[in-house]
Amino acid sequence: MEHITDGSTPTGTYSPAVVAEGRFVFVSGQGPLVDGVVVAGTVAEQTRITLRNVQSVLAAAGATLDDVVRCGVFLADIADFAEMDAAYGEFFSGAAPARTTVGAALAGISVEIDCIARLADR
């Protein structure tokens, strides 16, 4: 097992990503942070920033959004689903990965996203 970091500092006790047997990358929940600071904005804006952070962690592990097989999306207000989904769709061309979206008590952010990706065989 390999623990991956993209250079950002986690805000808790977790790895930004872990590569597991079978060449899977498990990306911890990412939020709308830039340089460790929450970026305020609409749900769509926070979703875009969050997915850019997911992209950064995936890149550090040698993967892209095209390699993602599943995402978990957590919304502070599930009524924001349509706005999040529209922004989310900007990042996935073709067939989107499997996804679960739930309402959650998030601390100061509107959206958090985690994912699992499969690395290409070396």
C-alpha atoms as a PDB file:
ATOM      1  CA  MET A   1       0.000   0.000   0.000  1.00  0.00           C
ATOM      2  CA  GLU A   2       1.282   3.475  -0.901  1.00  0.00           C
ATOM      3  CA  HIS A   3       0.179   6.729   0.730  1.00  0.00           C
ATOM      4  CA  ILE A   4       0.017   9.666  -1.703  1.00  0.00           C
ATOM      5  CA  THR A   5       0.229  13.385  -1.033  1.00  0.00           C
ATOM      6  CA  ASP A   6      -0.123  16.232  -3.525  1.00  0.00           C
ATOM      7  CA  GLY A   7       1.749  18.633  -1.263  1.00  0.00           C
ATOM      8  CA  SER A   8      -1.317  20.003   0.511  1.00  0.00           C
ATOM      9  CA  THR A   9      -1.591  19.630   4.266  1.00  0.00           C
ATOM     10  CA  PRO A  10      -4.505  17.461   5.441  1.00  0.00           C
ATOM     11  CA  THR A  11      -6.779  19.131   7.972  1.00  0.00           C
ATOM     12  CA  GLY A  12      -7.101  15.912   9.980  1.00  0.00           C
ATOM     13  CA  THR A  13      -5.618  12.462  10.455  1.00  0.00           C
ATOM     14  CA  TYR A  14      -5.862  10.950   6.974  1.00  0.00           C
ATOM     15  CA  SER A  15      -3.932  10.455   3.736  1.00  0.00           C
ATOM     16  CA  PRO A  16      -5.088  12.483   0.712  1.00  0.00           C
ATOM     17  CA  ALA A  17      -4.995   9.201  -1.235  1.00  0.00           C
ATOM     18  CA  VAL A  18      -3.941   5.572  -0.874  1.00  0.00           C
ATOM     19  CA  VAL A  19      -2.931   3.207  -3.683  1.00  0.00           C
ATOM     20  CA  ALA A  20      -4.080  -0.292  -2.753  1.00  0.00           C
ATOM     21  CA  GLU A  21      -3.386  -3.742  -4.156  1.00  0.00           C
ATOM     22  CA  GLY A  22      -4.825  -4.017  -7.622  1.00  0.00           C
ATOM     23  CA  ARG A  23      -3.677  -0.476  -8.424  1.00  0.00           C
ATOM     24  CA  PHE A  24      -6.629   1.358  -6.920  1.00  0.00           C
ATOM     25  CA  VAL A  25      -6.372   4.908  -5.577  1.00  0.00           C
ATOM     26  CA  PHE A  26      -8.695   5.860  -2.723  1.00  0.00           C
ATOM     27  CA  VAL A  27      -8.936   9.661  -2.542  1.00  0.00           C
ATOM     28  CA  SER A  28     -10.035  11.119   0.788  1.00  0.00           C
ATOM     29  CA  GLY A  29     -12.805  13.682   0.891  1.00  0.00           C
ATOM     30  CA  GLN A  30     -11.758  16.944  -0.716  1.00  0.00           C
ATOM     31  CA  GLY A  31     -13.412  20.304  -0.229  1.00  0.00           C
ATOM     32  CA  PRO A  32     -13.327  23.805  -1.702  1.00  0.00           C
ATOM     33  CA  LEU A  33      -9.991  24.815  -0.198  1.00  0.00           C
ATOM     34  CA  VAL A  34      -7.177  26.781  -1.814  1.00  0.00           C
ATOM     35  CA  ASP A  35      -3.916  26.906   0.135  1.00  0.00           C
ATOM     36  CA  GLY A  36      -5.753  25.484   3.146  1.00  0.00           C
ATOM     37  CA  VAL A  37      -8.417  28.199   3.181  1.00  0.00           C
ATOM     38  CA  VAL A  38     -12.098  27.558   2.441  1.00  0.00           C
ATOM     39  CA  VAL A  39     -13.210  29.423  -0.671  1.00  0.00           C
ATOM     40  CA  ALA A  40     -16.695  30.841  -0.251  1.00  0.00           C
ATOM     41  CA  GLY A  41     -18.985  30.808  -3.242  1.00  0.00           C
ATOM     42  CA  THR A  42     -21.965  29.149  -4.806  1.00  0.00           C
ATOM     43  CA  VAL A  43     -22.392  25.387  -4.655  1.00  0.00           C
ATOM     44  CA  ALA A  44     -21.334  25.244  -8.318  1.00  0.00           C
ATOM     45  CA  GLU A  45     -18.148  27.221  -7.606  1.00  0.00           C
ATOM     46  CA  GLN A  46     -17.345  25.096  -4.558  1.00  0.00           C
ATOM     47  CA  THR A  47     -17.936  21.929  -6.604  1.00  0.00           C
ATOM     48  CA  ARG A  48     -15.506  23.088  -9.311  1.00  0.00           C
ATOM     49  CA  ILE A  49     -12.801  23.957  -6.767  1.00  0.00           C
ATOM     50  CA  THR A  50     -13.361  20.650  -4.989  1.00  0.00           C
ATOM     51  CA  LEU A  51     -13.038  18.662  -8.218  1.00  0.00           C
ATOM     52  CA  ARG A  52      -9.845  20.561  -9.117  1.00  0.00           C
ATOM     53  CA  ASN A  53      -8.499  19.431  -5.735  1.00  0.00           C
ATOM     54  CA  VAL A  54      -9.542  15.849  -6.529  1.00  0.00           C
ATOM     55  CA  GLN A  55      -7.714  16.184  -9.870  1.00  0.00           C
ATOM     56  CA  SER A  56      -4.571  17.370  -8.071  1.00  0.00           C
ATOM     57  CA  VAL A  57      -4.543  14.416  -5.685  1.00  0.00           C
ATOM     58  CA  LEU A  58      -5.232  11.975  -8.533  1.00  0.00           C
ATOM     59  CA  ALA A  59      -2.388  13.482 -10.586  1.00  0.00           C
ATOM     60  CA  ALA A  60       0.001  12.987  -7.664  1.00  0.00           C
ATOM     61  CA  ALA A  61      -0.951   9.288  -7.762  1.00  0.00           C
ATOM     62  CA  GLY A  62      -0.592   9.064 -11.555  1.00  0.00           C
ATOM     63  CA  ALA A  63      -4.315   9.112 -12.360  1.00  0.00           C
ATOM     64  CA  THR A  64      -6.907  11.422 -13.908  1.00  0.00           C
ATOM     65  CA  LEU A  65     -10.649  11.868 -13.604  1.00  0.00           C
ATOM     66  CA  ASP A  66     -10.959   9.441 -16.542  1.00  0.00           C
ATOM     67  CA  ASP A  67      -9.668   6.718 -14.182  1.00  0.00           C
ATOM     68  CA  VAL A  68     -12.324   7.344 -11.510  1.00  0.00           C
ATOM     69  CA  VAL A  69     -14.713   4.437 -10.985  1.00  0.00           C
ATOM     70  CA  ARG A  70     -16.742   5.860  -8.088  1.00  0.00           C
ATOM     71  CA  CYS A  71     -17.343   9.183  -6.333  1.00  0.00           C
ATOM     72  CA  GLY A  72     -19.049  10.008  -3.081  1.00  0.00           C
ATOM     73  CA  VAL A  73     -20.543  13.495  -2.924  1.00  0.00           C
ATOM     74  CA  PHE A  74     -21.597  15.058   0.369  1.00  0.00           C
ATOM     75  CA  LEU A  75     -23.805  18.155   0.317  1.00  0.00           C
ATOM     76  CA  ALA A  76     -24.557  20.419   3.265  1.00  0.00           C
ATOM     77  CA  ASP A  77     -28.015  20.896   1.721  1.00  0.00           C
ATOM     78  CA  ILE A  78     -29.314  18.091  -0.506  1.00  0.00           C
ATOM     79  CA  ALA A  79     -31.579  20.690  -2.164  1.00  0.00           C
ATOM     80  CA  ASP A  80     -28.378  21.877  -3.917  1.00  0.00           C
ATOM     81  CA  PHE A  81     -28.155  18.605  -5.865  1.00  0.00           C
ATOM     82  CA  ALA A  82     -29.022  20.066  -9.298  1.00  0.00           C
ATOM     83  CA  GLU A  83     -26.498  22.918  -8.983  1.00  0.00           C
ATOM     84  CA  MET A  84     -23.755  20.528  -7.846  1.00  0.00           C
ATOM     85  CA  ASP A  85     -24.630  18.013 -10.567  1.00  0.00           C
ATOM     86  CA  ALA A  86     -24.391  20.615 -13.349  1.00  0.00           C
ATOM     87  CA  ALA A  87     -20.901  21.690 -12.226  1.00  0.00           C
ATOM     88  CA  TYR A  88     -19.852  18.069 -11.602  1.00  0.00           C
ATOM     89  CA  GLY A  89     -20.867  17.175 -15.161  1.00  0.00           C
ATOM     90  CA  GLU A  90     -18.351  19.701 -16.536  1.00  0.00           C
ATOM     91  CA  PHE A  91     -15.521  17.463 -15.291  1.00  0.00           C
ATOM     92  CA  PHE A  92     -16.593  14.071 -16.638  1.00  0.00           C
ATOM     93  CA  SER A  93     -16.731  13.502 -20.397  1.00  0.00           C
ATOM     94  CA  GLY A  94     -18.421  10.407 -21.743  1.00  0.00           C
ATOM     95  CA  ALA A  95     -19.523   7.837 -19.193  1.00  0.00           C
ATOM     96  CA  ALA A  96     -19.433   9.261 -15.677  1.00  0.00           C
ATOM     97  CA  PRO A  97     -18.269   7.122 -12.747  1.00  0.00           C
ATOM     98  CA  ALA A  98     -20.678   5.520 -10.311  1.00  0.00           C
ATOM     99  CA  ARG A  99     -21.736   8.037  -7.674  1.00  0.00           C
ATOM    100  CA  THR A 100     -23.629   8.357  -4.428  1.00  0.00           C
ATOM    101  CA  THR A 101     -24.762  11.789  -3.239  1.00  0.00           C
ATOM    102  CA  VAL A 102     -25.963  12.347   0.320  1.00  0.00           C
ATOM    103  CA  GLY A 103     -26.784  15.213   2.616  1.00  0.00           C
ATOM    104  CA  ALA A 104     -24.243  15.672   5.401  1.00  0.00           C
ATOM    105  CA  ALA A 105     -23.382  18.013   8.247  1.00  0.00           C
ATOM    106  CA  LEU A 106     -20.313  19.686   6.743  1.00  0.00           C
ATOM    107  CA  ALA A 107     -18.201  22.145   8.717  1.00  0.00           C
ATOM    108  CA  GLY A 108     -18.228  25.464   6.852  1.00  0.00           C
ATOM    109  CA  ILE A 109     -18.381  24.081   3.303  1.00  0.00           C
ATOM    110  CA  SER A 110     -21.218  23.194   0.949  1.00  0.00           C
ATOM    111  CA  VAL A 111     -19.677  20.183  -0.793  1.00  0.00           C
ATOM    112  CA  GLU A 112     -17.112  17.444  -0.195  1.00  0.00           C
ATOM    113  CA  ILE A 113     -16.121  14.755  -2.709  1.00  0.00           C
ATOM    114  CA  ASP A 114     -14.143  11.537  -2.348  1.00  0.00           C
ATOM    115  CA  CYS A 115     -13.415   8.970  -5.045  1.00  0.00           C
ATOM    116  CA  ILE A 116     -11.868   5.677  -6.047  1.00  0.00           C
ATOM    117  CA  ALA A 117      -9.805   5.446  -9.236  1.00  0.00           C
ATOM    118  CA  ARG A 118      -8.067   2.581 -11.000  1.00  0.00           C
ATOM    119  CA  LEU A 119      -4.500   3.119 -12.114  1.00  0.00           C
ATOM    120  CA  ALA A 120      -3.419   1.748 -15.466  1.00  0.00           C
ATOM    121  CA  ASP A 121      -1.234  -1.339 -15.296  1.00  0.00           C
ATOM    122  CA  ARG A 122       2.466  -0.529 -15.353  1.00  0.00           C
END
